[in-house]
Amino acid sequence: MSAAEPRPVRAVWTDFGGVLTPSGDESTRAFCAHVQVAPEMLRKAVMKVTARYGTEDAMEPLDTPLVTEKEWAAQVERVLAEDFGVTADLRDFGAVWFADRPVVQEWLDWLRRLKAHGLFVGMLSNMPPGWDPYWRRMVPPEGLFEQVVVSHRAGARKPMRRIFEIAAEAAGATPGECLLVDDMPVNCEGAVAAGWRAVRFTDPAQAIAEVAALLDLDPLGV
């Protein structure tokens, strides 16, 4: 292989929310229906609380974490009450967020096929600590993910370069041998900046086709 040729991908890292689950918008609508709060009201309340932590990323206070989920939920409840006159119970935010949340089975099946084909398969996600039992019940990592790298344990989060360095090291791979599949453009951009390749996930068929092309595999025959 010449120096100009890219290394073949050996490690495929998948995001969780919005990739192994429906989109964030779809999950938000289901959550809001459960707690009986209009999605736009919840969004405004969450972003007001988010701004207190010096960020515009709604999940950063929770998945770094800068605040406990219990404290964060109480802050959002207060904003809903004070700004919108809405009384909401968000104490079990994580449990309700994951309640009846489906898995994107087509993508999960494809990951299992990649693993059976001999590729490293890992999960790389910005994840609050309190959500561990919920996602693990949805997608048990045993037998599928060789490594799980999540923000609250890594001390870094996507799109920070550091979390991609941690993940590549966990895979025993160079950055150029790693591929991220993620629904967030900023995370894909962060991966590329760290020397990885990236596929933005919009739906399983599209992602499978793009990953298969990068790996030079038949999307139907792996």
Protein backbone atom coordinates (compact mmCIF):
# COMPACT_ATOMS: atom_id res chain seq x y z
CA MET A 1 0.00 0.00 0.00
CA SER A 2 1.45 3.38 -0.97
CA ALA A 3 1.51 6.29 1.47
CA ALA A 4 -1.20 8.02 -0.56
CA GLU A 5 -3.66 5.14 -0.30
CA PRO A 6 -6.07 5.21 2.65
CA ARG A 7 -5.91 2.34 5.09
CA PRO A 8 -8.86 -0.06 4.89
CA VAL A 9 -11.51 0.39 7.56
CA ARG A 10 -11.12 -2.17 10.36
CA ALA A 11 -13.30 -0.62 13.05
CA VAL A 12 -16.91 0.48 12.60
CA TRP A 13 -18.26 2.64 15.41
CA THR A 14 -21.99 3.31 15.63
CA ASP A 15 -23.78 6.05 17.50
CA PHE A 16 -26.78 5.06 19.62
CA GLY A 17 -29.55 7.68 19.67
CA GLY A 18 -30.85 8.51 16.20
CA VAL A 19 -29.01 5.57 14.64
CA LEU A 20 -29.88 2.48 16.66
CA THR A 21 -33.09 4.28 17.67
CA PRO A 22 -35.50 6.55 15.79
CA SER A 23 -34.52 10.17 15.25
CA GLY A 24 -34.28 12.62 18.11
CA ASP A 25 -37.32 14.49 16.81
CA GLU A 26 -39.41 11.32 16.75
CA SER A 27 -38.28 10.35 20.25
CA THR A 28 -38.99 13.87 21.51
CA ARG A 29 -42.53 13.76 20.15
CA ALA A 30 -43.16 10.42 21.90
CA PHE A 31 -41.69 11.74 25.15
CA CYS A 32 -43.75 14.93 25.05
CA ALA A 33 -46.93 12.98 24.44
CA HIS A 34 -46.17 10.91 27.52
CA VAL A 35 -45.47 13.88 29.84
CA GLN A 36 -48.15 16.05 28.17
CA VAL A 37 -45.91 18.97 27.28
CA ALA A 38 -45.86 20.59 23.84
CA PRO A 39 -42.56 19.79 22.07
CA GLU A 40 -41.77 23.44 21.33
CA MET A 41 -42.36 24.39 24.99
CA LEU A 42 -40.08 21.62 26.18
CA ARG A 43 -37.43 22.61 23.65
CA LYS A 44 -37.46 26.24 24.83
CA ALA A 45 -37.28 25.22 28.48
CA VAL A 46 -34.43 22.80 27.85
CA MET A 47 -32.46 25.36 25.86
CA LYS A 48 -32.90 27.98 28.59
CA VAL A 49 -31.43 25.54 31.10
CA THR A 50 -28.72 24.51 28.61
CA ALA A 51 -27.56 28.13 28.26
CA ARG A 52 -26.80 28.23 32.00
CA TYR A 53 -24.00 25.73 31.35
CA GLY A 54 -22.36 27.79 28.63
CA THR A 55 -23.33 25.59 25.70
CA GLU A 56 -25.89 25.36 22.92
CA ASP A 57 -25.87 21.55 22.90
CA ALA A 58 -28.88 20.39 24.90
CA MET A 59 -27.28 17.08 25.88
CA GLU A 60 -23.87 18.38 26.98
CA PRO A 61 -24.92 19.24 30.58
CA LEU A 62 -26.19 15.67 31.01
CA ASP A 63 -23.69 13.52 29.16
CA THR A 64 -20.45 15.16 30.28
CA PRO A 65 -21.98 15.40 32.93
CA LEU A 66 -22.09 18.94 34.26
CA VAL A 67 -25.24 18.29 36.30
CA THR A 68 -27.12 15.26 37.57
CA GLU A 69 -30.20 14.21 35.65
CA LYS A 70 -32.34 14.83 38.77
CA GLU A 71 -31.07 18.40 39.16
CA TRP A 72 -31.38 19.10 35.44
CA ALA A 73 -34.97 17.79 35.33
CA ALA A 74 -35.92 20.00 38.29
CA GLN A 75 -34.48 23.04 36.52
CA VAL A 76 -36.45 22.29 33.36
CA GLU A 77 -39.62 21.77 35.42
CA ARG A 78 -39.15 25.20 37.01
CA VAL A 79 -38.69 26.93 33.65
CA LEU A 80 -41.83 25.22 32.30
CA ALA A 81 -43.78 26.40 35.35
CA GLU A 82 -42.39 29.95 35.49
CA ASP A 83 -42.26 30.75 31.76
CA PHE A 84 -45.21 28.73 30.42
CA GLY A 85 -47.42 27.98 33.39
CA VAL A 86 -47.04 24.26 32.70
CA THR A 87 -46.72 21.69 35.47
CA ALA A 88 -44.68 18.68 34.34
CA ASP A 89 -43.17 15.69 36.13
CA LEU A 90 -39.75 15.00 34.62
CA ARG A 91 -38.27 13.12 37.57
CA ASP A 92 -37.99 9.88 35.61
CA PHE A 93 -36.74 11.56 32.45
CA GLY A 94 -34.49 8.71 31.30
CA ALA A 95 -37.03 5.98 32.01
CA VAL A 96 -39.76 7.83 30.12
CA TRP A 97 -37.41 8.76 27.25
CA PHE A 98 -36.62 5.09 26.68
CA ALA A 99 -40.10 3.72 27.39
CA ASP A 100 -41.37 1.80 24.33
CA ARG A 101 -38.56 3.25 22.24
CA PRO A 102 -37.98 0.89 19.30
CA VAL A 103 -34.66 -0.31 17.93
CA VAL A 104 -33.78 0.30 14.29
CA GLN A 105 -33.62 -3.42 13.59
CA GLU A 106 -32.28 -3.15 10.04
CA TRP A 107 -29.20 -1.29 11.24
CA LEU A 108 -28.73 -3.61 14.22
CA ASP A 109 -28.85 -6.63 11.92
CA TRP A 110 -26.28 -5.02 9.60
CA LEU A 111 -23.90 -4.44 12.52
CA ARG A 112 -24.20 -8.11 13.45
CA ARG A 113 -23.38 -9.05 9.86
CA LEU A 114 -20.32 -6.79 9.87
CA LYS A 115 -19.12 -8.39 13.07
CA ALA A 116 -19.65 -11.88 11.63
CA HIS A 117 -17.62 -10.74 8.62
CA GLY A 118 -14.67 -10.09 10.97
CA LEU A 119 -14.89 -6.34 11.44
CA PHE A 120 -14.53 -4.64 14.80
CA VAL A 121 -17.90 -3.18 15.83
CA GLY A 122 -18.14 -0.67 18.68
CA MET A 123 -20.55 1.88 20.08
CA LEU A 124 -19.45 5.51 20.48
CA SER A 125 -22.09 7.71 22.07
CA ASN A 126 -22.66 10.86 24.06
CA MET A 127 -24.62 9.30 26.91
CA PRO A 128 -25.72 10.45 30.39
CA PRO A 129 -24.62 8.07 33.17
CA GLY A 130 -28.18 7.36 34.30
CA TRP A 131 -29.13 6.01 30.88
CA ASP A 132 -26.81 2.98 30.97
CA PRO A 133 -29.43 0.44 32.12
CA TYR A 134 -31.98 1.64 29.56
CA TRP A 135 -29.87 1.46 26.42
CA ARG A 136 -28.32 -1.83 27.54
CA ARG A 137 -31.77 -3.38 27.78
CA MET A 138 -32.63 -2.12 24.30
CA VAL A 139 -29.41 -3.26 22.67
CA PRO A 140 -27.47 -5.69 24.88
CA PRO A 141 -23.81 -5.03 24.04
CA GLU A 142 -22.60 -8.54 24.83
CA GLY A 143 -21.78 -10.45 21.67
CA LEU A 144 -22.13 -7.36 19.48
CA PHE A 145 -19.92 -4.48 20.60
CA GLU A 146 -16.28 -5.24 21.21
CA GLN A 147 -15.93 -1.88 22.94
CA VAL A 148 -18.36 0.75 24.23
CA VAL A 149 -17.06 4.31 24.59
CA VAL A 150 -19.51 6.74 26.16
CA SER A 151 -18.93 10.37 27.04
CA HIS A 152 -19.59 10.24 30.76
CA ARG A 153 -16.91 7.57 31.22
CA ALA A 154 -14.44 8.89 28.66
CA GLY A 155 -14.43 12.42 30.07
CA ALA A 156 -14.86 13.70 26.52
CA ARG A 157 -17.72 13.83 24.06
CA LYS A 158 -18.30 13.98 20.34
CA PRO A 159 -17.26 16.03 18.42
CA MET A 160 -14.13 16.50 20.60
CA ARG A 161 -10.96 15.00 19.13
CA ARG A 162 -10.11 13.32 22.43
CA ILE A 163 -13.04 10.90 22.38
CA PHE A 164 -12.06 9.74 18.89
CA GLU A 165 -8.51 9.15 20.10
CA ILE A 166 -9.84 7.08 23.01
CA ALA A 167 -12.07 5.04 20.70
CA ALA A 168 -9.33 4.35 18.14
CA GLU A 169 -7.02 3.19 20.92
CA ALA A 170 -9.78 0.96 22.32
CA ALA A 171 -10.16 -0.64 18.89
CA GLY A 172 -6.41 -1.12 18.49
CA ALA A 173 -6.68 0.81 15.24
CA THR A 174 -5.25 3.91 13.66
CA PRO A 175 -7.63 6.85 13.10
CA GLY A 176 -7.63 6.12 9.37
CA GLU A 177 -8.88 2.59 10.05
CA CYS A 178 -11.92 3.85 11.99
CA LEU A 179 -15.36 4.73 10.66
CA LEU A 180 -18.10 6.58 12.56
CA VAL A 181 -21.78 6.25 11.65
CA ASP A 182 -23.69 9.07 13.32
CA ASP A 183 -26.85 11.07 12.67
CA MET A 184 -25.32 14.42 13.73
CA PRO A 185 -23.31 16.31 11.07
CA VAL A 186 -21.14 17.97 13.72
CA ASN A 187 -20.08 14.59 15.08
CA CYS A 188 -19.23 13.32 11.60
CA GLU A 189 -17.19 16.48 11.04
CA GLY A 190 -15.38 15.90 14.34
CA ALA A 191 -14.55 12.34 13.32
CA VAL A 192 -13.13 13.46 9.97
CA ALA A 193 -11.09 16.19 11.70
CA ALA A 194 -9.63 13.45 13.94
CA GLY A 195 -8.54 11.46 10.87
CA TRP A 196 -11.49 9.05 10.77
CA ARG A 197 -13.98 8.41 8.03
CA ALA A 198 -17.64 9.08 8.65
CA VAL A 199 -21.07 8.30 7.28
CA ARG A 200 -23.98 10.48 8.28
CA PHE A 201 -26.95 8.27 9.11
CA THR A 202 -30.30 9.39 7.72
CA ASP A 203 -31.95 5.98 7.37
CA PRO A 204 -30.69 2.40 7.55
CA ALA A 205 -30.83 1.67 3.82
CA GLN A 206 -28.76 4.77 3.00
CA ALA A 207 -26.23 4.10 5.76
CA ILE A 208 -25.85 0.42 4.85
CA ALA A 209 -25.25 1.33 1.21
CA GLU A 210 -22.61 3.95 2.08
CA VAL A 211 -20.82 1.76 4.62
CA ALA A 212 -20.86 -1.19 2.21
CA ALA A 213 -19.32 0.99 -0.50
CA LEU A 214 -16.55 2.16 1.85
CA LEU A 215 -15.82 -1.41 2.89
CA ASP A 216 -16.13 -2.75 -0.66
CA LEU A 217 -18.81 -5.18 0.45
CA ASP A 218 -22.10 -6.33 -1.05
CA PRO A 219 -24.79 -4.71 1.17
CA LEU A 220 -26.99 -7.74 0.66
CA GLY A 221 -24.34 -10.40 0.80
CA VAL A 222 -22.28 -9.77 3.95
